[in-house]
Amino acid sequence: MPGKSKGPRPKHVPLRTCVVCRTTRPKRELVRVVRTLVDTVEVDPTGKMAGRGAYVCRQRECWEQAFKRRSLEHALQTAISPDNKAVLQQFGSEMPQEQSE
């Protein structure tokens, strides 16, 4: 039958956009930050926590800019408490300086 392709279909890779640098990357290359149902903001390592999410690149520069520009607060539509901000800044400071391609 003409028009039929042979072999398995290519796997769909979900894409997400970094809220800081606005680059589109595969979901697994970004870190999800979530505003939970009890209004705390935390890193979501599984990507499946309930709540409003935002994605940030895995590089230190994006994490630093996220706090300077308040990109996370805008994307999550909430103010980030000082305790949550300290935890997120600690997480961001452990990120590599530049993205390895």
Protein backbone atom coordinates (compact mmCIF):
# COMPACT_ATOMS: atom_id res chain seq x y z
CA MET A 1 0.00 0.00 0.00
CA PRO A 2 1.51 3.32 -1.01
CA GLY A 3 1.79 6.06 1.60
CA LYS A 4 2.34 3.71 4.53
CA SER A 5 5.59 4.27 6.40
CA LYS A 6 7.55 1.38 7.73
CA GLY A 7 8.91 1.17 11.25
CA PRO A 8 7.82 2.75 14.50
CA ARG A 9 6.62 6.34 14.71
CA PRO A 10 9.12 8.79 16.15
CA LYS A 11 8.58 9.46 19.84
CA HIS A 12 6.96 12.81 20.66
CA VAL A 13 9.26 15.03 22.73
CA PRO A 14 7.35 17.69 24.72
CA LEU A 15 8.89 21.16 24.48
CA ARG A 16 8.80 23.89 27.13
CA THR A 17 10.06 27.49 27.22
CA CYS A 18 12.38 28.89 29.88
CA VAL A 19 10.61 31.82 31.60
CA VAL A 20 13.90 33.74 31.76
CA CYS A 21 15.75 33.41 28.44
CA ARG A 22 12.67 32.29 26.42
CA THR A 23 14.52 29.42 24.68
CA THR A 24 12.47 26.36 23.79
CA ARG A 25 13.98 23.06 24.86
CA PRO A 26 12.81 19.51 25.55
CA LYS A 27 10.96 19.33 28.86
CA ARG A 28 13.59 17.06 30.44
CA GLU A 29 16.35 19.64 29.89
CA LEU A 30 14.56 22.24 32.04
CA VAL A 31 13.77 22.44 35.75
CA ARG A 32 10.13 22.84 36.75
CA VAL A 33 9.32 25.22 39.59
CA VAL A 34 5.79 24.91 40.94
CA ARG A 35 3.46 27.03 43.04
CA THR A 36 1.73 24.41 45.14
CA LEU A 37 -1.87 24.42 46.26
CA VAL A 38 -0.82 25.82 49.68
CA ASP A 39 1.00 28.80 48.05
CA THR A 40 4.56 27.60 48.57
CA VAL A 41 7.03 27.67 45.67
CA GLU A 42 9.39 24.74 45.24
CA VAL A 43 11.42 22.78 42.71
CA ASP A 44 9.53 19.89 41.15
CA PRO A 45 12.07 17.17 40.28
CA THR A 46 9.43 14.80 38.87
CA GLY A 47 7.60 17.40 36.81
CA LYS A 48 4.27 16.04 38.03
CA MET A 49 3.44 17.99 41.19
CA ALA A 50 0.03 19.63 41.34
CA GLY A 51 0.01 23.37 40.92
CA ARG A 52 1.03 26.11 38.52
CA GLY A 53 4.43 25.45 36.97
CA ALA A 54 7.19 27.40 35.27
CA TYR A 55 10.36 26.14 33.61
CA VAL A 56 13.92 27.43 34.00
CA CYS A 57 17.09 26.31 32.16
CA ARG A 58 19.67 24.23 33.97
CA GLN A 59 22.26 27.02 34.00
CA ARG A 60 23.17 29.37 36.80
CA GLU A 61 22.76 32.55 34.76
CA CYS A 62 19.07 31.88 34.11
CA TRP A 63 18.46 31.21 37.82
CA GLU A 64 20.18 34.45 38.82
CA GLN A 65 18.20 36.44 36.25
CA ALA A 66 14.95 34.79 37.38
CA PHE A 67 15.27 36.54 40.74
CA LYS A 68 16.60 39.86 39.40
CA ARG A 69 13.79 40.21 36.87
CA ARG A 70 11.19 38.49 39.07
CA SER A 71 10.41 36.19 36.13
CA LEU A 72 9.38 33.31 38.37
CA GLU A 73 7.03 35.47 40.41
CA HIS A 74 5.39 36.74 37.24
CA ALA A 75 5.10 33.29 35.66
CA LEU A 76 3.75 31.68 38.84
CA GLN A 77 1.47 34.66 39.54
CA THR A 78 2.50 34.87 43.20
CA ALA A 79 5.02 36.52 45.49
CA ILE A 80 7.79 34.17 46.58
CA SER A 81 8.38 34.12 50.34
CA PRO A 82 11.94 34.77 51.61
CA ASP A 83 12.22 31.16 52.85
CA ASN A 84 11.16 29.71 49.49
CA LYS A 85 13.39 32.19 47.64
CA ALA A 86 16.41 31.13 49.72
CA VAL A 87 15.80 27.46 48.88
CA LEU A 88 15.39 28.24 45.17
CA GLN A 89 18.52 30.43 45.10
CA GLN A 90 20.50 27.65 46.78
CA PHE A 91 19.23 25.19 44.14
CA GLY A 92 20.12 27.63 41.34
CA SER A 93 23.61 28.24 42.69
CA GLU A 94 24.32 24.51 42.29
CA MET A 95 23.57 24.67 38.55
CA PRO A 96 26.48 24.69 36.08
CA GLN A 97 27.71 28.04 34.79
CA GLU A 98 26.95 27.26 31.13
CA GLN A 99 24.73 24.82 29.31
CA SER A 100 26.58 21.78 27.96
CA GLU A 101 25.40 21.07 24.42
